[in-house]
Amino acid sequence: MHHFVKQVLSLAIALSATCTTPIVWANHHGHEGHTSHASQASGMIKGEVRRIDTENRKLTIKHEAIPDLEMAAMTMAFRVADTISIDKFKAGAKIRFSLGQVQGKWVVVAIENDSNP
């Protein structure tokens, strides 16, 4: 019985650690497997750039809910398509972006400054 309690506690600790992580990495926790079979999420998504990782071509974006992907509003890092220059964006910038699948992974395929935040 003591062994069972230790297993349950270990599982509870592991789950609580994953639930408190403030940034979710796109394509890491199953986001590529959302129920949408579309290769592109429809429409532009409003968000705010929180962090720019030029070396790995990733933007951390606080975004609104994405109904097409059944994804709640959250802050997460997205890879950015090679065709997009991320140098023109700064942390704190209000943006609109769209996602598409590139080699089976959701990436930012279009991005612009949001003139109507």
N, C-alpha and C. Protein backbone atom coordinates (compact mmCIF):
# COMPACT_ATOMS: atom_id res chain seq x y z
N MET A 1 0.82 -1.19 0.00
CA MET A 1 0.00 0.00 0.00
C MET A 1 0.87 1.26 0.00
N HIS A 2 1.95 1.22 0.77
CA HIS A 2 2.84 2.37 0.85
C HIS A 2 3.43 2.71 -0.52
N HIS A 3 3.77 1.71 -1.30
CA HIS A 3 4.31 1.91 -2.65
C HIS A 3 3.28 2.59 -3.55
N PHE A 4 2.02 2.20 -3.43
CA PHE A 4 0.94 2.79 -4.22
C PHE A 4 0.79 4.28 -3.90
N VAL A 5 0.84 4.64 -2.63
CA VAL A 5 0.72 6.04 -2.22
C VAL A 5 1.87 6.86 -2.80
N LYS A 6 3.08 6.31 -2.78
CA LYS A 6 4.23 7.01 -3.35
C LYS A 6 4.04 7.24 -4.85
N GLN A 7 3.49 6.25 -5.56
CA GLN A 7 3.24 6.40 -7.00
C GLN A 7 2.21 7.49 -7.26
N VAL A 8 1.14 7.50 -6.49
CA VAL A 8 0.09 8.51 -6.67
C VAL A 8 0.64 9.89 -6.39
N LEU A 9 1.42 10.04 -5.32
CA LEU A 9 2.00 11.34 -5.01
C LEU A 9 2.97 11.80 -6.09
N SER A 10 3.77 10.88 -6.62
CA SER A 10 4.71 11.23 -7.70
C SER A 10 3.95 11.72 -8.93
N LEU A 11 2.86 11.02 -9.26
CA LEU A 11 2.04 11.43 -10.40
C LEU A 11 1.41 12.79 -10.16
N ALA A 12 0.90 13.03 -8.97
CA ALA A 12 0.27 14.31 -8.65
C ALA A 12 1.28 15.45 -8.75
N ILE A 13 2.49 15.23 -8.27
CA ILE A 13 3.53 16.26 -8.35
C ILE A 13 3.89 16.54 -9.80
N ALA A 14 4.04 15.48 -10.59
CA ALA A 14 4.37 15.65 -12.01
C ALA A 14 3.27 16.42 -12.74
N LEU A 15 2.02 16.08 -12.47
CA LEU A 15 0.90 16.78 -13.12
C LEU A 15 0.82 18.24 -12.69
N SER A 16 1.03 18.52 -11.41
CA SER A 16 0.95 19.90 -10.96
C SER A 16 2.07 20.74 -11.55
N ALA A 17 3.23 20.14 -11.78
CA ALA A 17 4.34 20.88 -12.40
C ALA A 17 4.00 21.25 -13.83
N THR A 18 3.35 20.37 -14.56
CA THR A 18 3.02 20.68 -15.95
C THR A 18 1.88 21.67 -16.04
N CYS A 19 1.00 21.71 -15.05
CA CYS A 19 -0.14 22.62 -15.09
C CYS A 19 0.24 24.05 -14.76
N THR A 20 1.38 24.27 -14.12
CA THR A 20 1.76 25.61 -13.73
C THR A 20 2.75 26.25 -14.70
N THR A 21 3.13 25.56 -15.74
CA THR A 21 4.07 26.11 -16.71
C THR A 21 3.39 27.23 -17.48
N PRO A 22 3.92 28.47 -17.46
CA PRO A 22 3.24 29.60 -18.08
C PRO A 22 3.31 29.63 -19.61
N ILE A 23 4.27 28.96 -20.20
CA ILE A 23 4.42 28.99 -21.65
C ILE A 23 4.25 27.58 -22.18
N VAL A 24 3.44 27.44 -23.19
CA VAL A 24 3.24 26.15 -23.82
C VAL A 24 3.94 26.20 -25.17
N TRP A 25 4.73 25.19 -25.47
CA TRP A 25 5.44 25.15 -26.75
C TRP A 25 4.55 24.50 -27.78
N ALA A 26 4.25 25.22 -28.84
CA ALA A 26 3.45 24.67 -29.93
C ALA A 26 4.16 23.46 -30.50
N ASN A 27 3.40 22.46 -30.86
CA ASN A 27 3.91 21.23 -31.47
C ASN A 27 4.67 20.36 -30.49
N HIS A 28 4.64 20.70 -29.22
CA HIS A 28 5.33 19.86 -28.25
C HIS A 28 4.34 19.08 -27.40
N HIS A 29 3.25 19.72 -27.00
CA HIS A 29 2.27 19.07 -26.13
C HIS A 29 1.05 18.65 -26.90
N GLY A 30 1.22 18.25 -28.15
CA GLY A 30 0.10 17.71 -28.90
C GLY A 30 -0.70 18.73 -29.66
N HIS A 31 -0.28 19.97 -29.72
CA HIS A 31 -1.06 20.97 -30.45
C HIS A 31 -1.14 20.66 -31.93
N GLU A 32 -0.18 19.93 -32.45
CA GLU A 32 -0.25 19.56 -33.85
C GLU A 32 -1.35 18.52 -34.08
N GLY A 33 -1.86 17.93 -33.02
CA GLY A 33 -2.86 16.90 -33.15
C GLY A 33 -4.27 17.36 -32.83
N HIS A 34 -4.50 18.67 -32.75
CA HIS A 34 -5.85 19.14 -32.47
C HIS A 34 -6.82 18.59 -33.52
N THR A 35 -8.09 18.58 -33.19
CA THR A 35 -9.08 17.90 -34.01
C THR A 35 -9.25 18.49 -35.39
N SER A 36 -8.82 19.72 -35.60
CA SER A 36 -8.94 20.32 -36.93
C SER A 36 -8.01 19.60 -37.89
N HIS A 37 -8.53 19.24 -39.06
CA HIS A 37 -7.70 18.60 -40.07
C HIS A 37 -7.23 19.61 -41.11
N ALA A 38 -7.55 20.87 -40.89
CA ALA A 38 -7.16 21.91 -41.83
C ALA A 38 -5.65 22.12 -41.78
N SER A 39 -5.10 22.57 -42.90
CA SER A 39 -3.67 22.85 -42.91
C SER A 39 -3.41 24.31 -42.56
N GLN A 40 -4.48 25.08 -42.33
CA GLN A 40 -4.33 26.46 -41.92
C GLN A 40 -5.52 26.85 -41.06
N ALA A 41 -5.25 27.55 -39.95
CA ALA A 41 -6.33 28.06 -39.11
C ALA A 41 -6.94 29.26 -39.82
N SER A 42 -8.26 29.32 -39.86
CA SER A 42 -8.91 30.41 -40.61
C SER A 42 -8.82 31.73 -39.85
N GLY A 43 -8.68 32.80 -40.61
CA GLY A 43 -8.68 34.13 -40.02
C GLY A 43 -7.38 34.50 -39.33
N MET A 44 -7.33 35.76 -38.95
CA MET A 44 -6.18 36.28 -38.23
C MET A 44 -6.47 36.22 -36.74
N ILE A 45 -5.46 35.93 -35.97
CA ILE A 45 -5.56 35.76 -34.53
C ILE A 45 -4.88 36.95 -33.87
N LYS A 46 -5.56 37.57 -32.91
CA LYS A 46 -4.95 38.70 -32.20
C LYS A 46 -4.03 38.19 -31.11
N GLY A 47 -2.93 38.92 -30.93
CA GLY A 47 -1.99 38.53 -29.89
C GLY A 47 -1.03 39.64 -29.55
N GLU A 48 -0.13 39.33 -28.63
CA GLU A 48 0.92 40.26 -28.22
C GLU A 48 2.22 39.50 -28.15
N VAL A 49 3.25 40.03 -28.78
CA VAL A 49 4.57 39.40 -28.74
C VAL A 49 5.12 39.55 -27.33
N ARG A 50 5.53 38.46 -26.73
CA ARG A 50 6.10 38.48 -25.39
C ARG A 50 7.61 38.28 -25.43
N ARG A 51 8.08 37.48 -26.39
CA ARG A 51 9.51 37.19 -26.47
C ARG A 51 9.87 36.84 -27.91
N ILE A 52 11.07 37.21 -28.31
CA ILE A 52 11.56 36.92 -29.66
C ILE A 52 12.84 36.11 -29.55
N ASP A 53 12.85 34.96 -30.19
CA ASP A 53 14.01 34.08 -30.22
C ASP A 53 14.46 33.99 -31.67
N THR A 54 15.29 34.95 -32.10
CA THR A 54 15.69 35.00 -33.51
C THR A 54 16.55 33.80 -33.90
N GLU A 55 17.35 33.30 -32.98
CA GLU A 55 18.22 32.17 -33.30
C GLU A 55 17.42 30.93 -33.68
N ASN A 56 16.32 30.67 -32.98
CA ASN A 56 15.49 29.50 -33.24
C ASN A 56 14.23 29.83 -34.03
N ARG A 57 14.10 31.08 -34.47
CA ARG A 57 12.95 31.54 -35.26
C ARG A 57 11.63 31.25 -34.55
N LYS A 58 11.55 31.68 -33.27
CA LYS A 58 10.33 31.48 -32.49
C LYS A 58 9.87 32.81 -31.89
N LEU A 59 8.56 32.97 -31.87
CA LEU A 59 7.95 34.10 -31.17
C LEU A 59 7.08 33.52 -30.05
N THR A 60 7.25 34.06 -28.85
CA THR A 60 6.33 33.72 -27.78
C THR A 60 5.22 34.75 -27.83
N ILE A 61 3.99 34.27 -28.00
CA ILE A 61 2.84 35.14 -28.24
C ILE A 61 1.76 34.84 -27.21
N LYS A 62 1.25 35.90 -26.57
CA LYS A 62 0.04 35.78 -25.75
C LYS A 62 -1.11 35.98 -26.73
N HIS A 63 -1.90 34.93 -26.97
CA HIS A 63 -2.92 35.02 -28.02
C HIS A 63 -4.31 34.74 -27.49
N GLU A 64 -5.29 35.22 -28.25
CA GLU A 64 -6.69 34.94 -27.93
C GLU A 64 -6.99 33.48 -28.26
N ALA A 65 -8.18 33.03 -27.91
CA ALA A 65 -8.58 31.66 -28.22
C ALA A 65 -8.56 31.43 -29.72
N ILE A 66 -8.23 30.21 -30.13
CA ILE A 66 -8.20 29.83 -31.54
C ILE A 66 -9.22 28.70 -31.71
N PRO A 67 -10.48 29.07 -32.00
CA PRO A 67 -11.55 28.06 -32.08
C PRO A 67 -11.28 26.96 -33.10
N ASP A 68 -10.68 27.29 -34.24
CA ASP A 68 -10.41 26.27 -35.27
C ASP A 68 -9.55 25.13 -34.74
N LEU A 69 -8.70 25.44 -33.78
CA LEU A 69 -7.80 24.43 -33.22
C LEU A 69 -8.25 23.98 -31.84
N GLU A 70 -9.43 24.45 -31.42
CA GLU A 70 -9.95 24.16 -30.08
C GLU A 70 -8.90 24.48 -29.02
N MET A 71 -8.27 25.65 -29.16
CA MET A 71 -7.20 26.07 -28.27
C MET A 71 -7.65 27.31 -27.51
N ALA A 72 -7.54 27.26 -26.19
CA ALA A 72 -7.90 28.39 -25.34
C ALA A 72 -6.87 29.50 -25.48
N ALA A 73 -7.24 30.68 -25.03
CA ALA A 73 -6.29 31.80 -24.99
C ALA A 73 -5.15 31.40 -24.05
N MET A 74 -3.93 31.68 -24.46
CA MET A 74 -2.76 31.32 -23.65
C MET A 74 -1.52 32.02 -24.20
N THR A 75 -0.42 31.82 -23.54
CA THR A 75 0.88 32.30 -24.01
C THR A 75 1.69 31.08 -24.41
N MET A 76 2.18 31.11 -25.65
CA MET A 76 2.95 29.98 -26.14
C MET A 76 3.94 30.42 -27.20
N ALA A 77 4.94 29.60 -27.42
CA ALA A 77 5.96 29.88 -28.43
C ALA A 77 5.60 29.17 -29.72
N PHE A 78 5.71 29.90 -30.82
CA PHE A 78 5.44 29.35 -32.14
C PHE A 78 6.68 29.51 -33.01
N ARG A 79 6.96 28.52 -33.80
CA ARG A 79 7.97 28.68 -34.84
C ARG A 79 7.39 29.63 -35.89
N VAL A 80 8.28 30.32 -36.58
CA VAL A 80 7.87 31.29 -37.61
C VAL A 80 8.39 30.80 -38.96
N ALA A 81 7.53 30.83 -39.97
CA ALA A 81 7.90 30.39 -41.31
C ALA A 81 9.13 31.15 -41.79
N ASP A 82 9.96 30.48 -42.58
CA ASP A 82 11.20 31.07 -43.09
C ASP A 82 10.95 32.30 -43.96
N THR A 83 9.76 32.44 -44.50
CA THR A 83 9.45 33.56 -45.39
C THR A 83 9.13 34.84 -44.64
N ILE A 84 9.10 34.80 -43.31
CA ILE A 84 8.73 35.96 -42.50
C ILE A 84 9.94 36.50 -41.76
N SER A 85 10.13 37.82 -41.83
CA SER A 85 11.19 38.48 -41.08
C SER A 85 10.66 38.83 -39.70
N ILE A 86 11.25 38.24 -38.66
CA ILE A 86 10.78 38.54 -37.31
C ILE A 86 11.55 39.69 -36.67
N ASP A 87 12.56 40.21 -37.35
CA ASP A 87 13.38 41.29 -36.81
C ASP A 87 12.59 42.58 -36.61
N LYS A 88 11.51 42.76 -37.34
CA LYS A 88 10.75 44.02 -37.25
C LYS A 88 9.79 44.05 -36.06
N PHE A 89 9.67 42.95 -35.32
CA PHE A 89 8.76 42.91 -34.18
C PHE A 89 9.52 43.03 -32.87
N LYS A 90 8.89 43.67 -31.92
CA LYS A 90 9.48 43.89 -30.60
C LYS A 90 8.56 43.29 -29.55
N ALA A 91 9.12 42.93 -28.40
CA ALA A 91 8.31 42.46 -27.29
C ALA A 91 7.32 43.56 -26.91
N GLY A 92 6.07 43.18 -26.70
CA GLY A 92 5.01 44.13 -26.37
C GLY A 92 4.18 44.56 -27.57
N ALA A 93 4.64 44.21 -28.78
CA ALA A 93 3.92 44.60 -30.00
C ALA A 93 2.59 43.87 -30.09
N LYS A 94 1.53 44.62 -30.41
CA LYS A 94 0.22 44.03 -30.66
C LYS A 94 0.23 43.57 -32.11
N ILE A 95 -0.17 42.31 -32.32
CA ILE A 95 -0.09 41.73 -33.66
C ILE A 95 -1.37 40.99 -34.02
N ARG A 96 -1.46 40.64 -35.28
CA ARG A 96 -2.44 39.70 -35.80
C ARG A 96 -1.63 38.70 -36.61
N PHE A 97 -1.93 37.42 -36.44
CA PHE A 97 -1.14 36.40 -37.13
C PHE A 97 -2.04 35.24 -37.53
N SER A 98 -1.54 34.45 -38.46
CA SER A 98 -2.26 33.23 -38.82
C SER A 98 -1.29 32.06 -38.76
N LEU A 99 -1.87 30.91 -38.53
CA LEU A 99 -1.10 29.68 -38.40
C LEU A 99 -1.37 28.75 -39.57
N GLY A 100 -0.37 28.02 -39.96
CA GLY A 100 -0.51 27.00 -40.98
C GLY A 100 0.38 25.83 -40.62
N GLN A 101 0.13 24.72 -41.24
CA GLN A 101 0.97 23.55 -40.98
C GLN A 101 2.09 23.47 -42.00
N VAL A 102 3.30 23.37 -41.49
CA VAL A 102 4.48 23.19 -42.32
C VAL A 102 5.14 21.91 -41.82
N GLN A 103 5.22 20.93 -42.67
CA GLN A 103 5.77 19.61 -42.32
C GLN A 103 5.09 19.05 -41.07
N GLY A 104 3.76 19.23 -41.01
CA GLY A 104 2.97 18.67 -39.92
C GLY A 104 3.00 19.44 -38.62
N LYS A 105 3.61 20.61 -38.60
CA LYS A 105 3.69 21.41 -37.37
C LYS A 105 3.05 22.76 -37.58
N TRP A 106 2.36 23.28 -36.55
CA TRP A 106 1.73 24.59 -36.64
C TRP A 106 2.79 25.68 -36.50
N VAL A 107 2.86 26.56 -37.49
CA VAL A 107 3.81 27.67 -37.48
C VAL A 107 3.09 28.95 -37.89
N VAL A 108 3.69 30.08 -37.53
CA VAL A 108 3.17 31.38 -37.96
C VAL A 108 3.50 31.52 -39.44
N VAL A 109 2.46 31.68 -40.27
CA VAL A 109 2.67 31.81 -41.71
C VAL A 109 2.36 33.22 -42.22
N ALA A 110 1.74 34.03 -41.37
CA ALA A 110 1.49 35.44 -41.71
C ALA A 110 1.43 36.22 -40.39
N ILE A 111 1.95 37.43 -40.43
CA ILE A 111 1.96 38.26 -39.22
C ILE A 111 1.99 39.72 -39.63
N GLU A 112 1.28 40.54 -38.87
CA GLU A 112 1.26 41.99 -39.13
C GLU A 112 1.00 42.72 -37.82
N ASN A 113 1.39 43.99 -37.77
CA ASN A 113 1.08 44.81 -36.62
C ASN A 113 -0.43 45.01 -36.59
N ASP A 114 -1.01 44.99 -35.39
CA ASP A 114 -2.45 45.17 -35.24
C ASP A 114 -2.73 46.65 -34.99
N SER A 115 -3.33 47.30 -35.96
CA SER A 115 -3.63 48.73 -35.83
C SER A 115 -4.91 48.95 -35.04
N ASN A 116 -5.67 47.89 -34.75
CA ASN A 116 -6.91 47.99 -33.98
C ASN A 116 -6.89 47.05 -32.78
N PRO A 117 -6.02 47.35 -31.78
CA PRO A 117 -5.93 46.43 -30.64
C PRO A 117 -7.19 46.46 -29.86
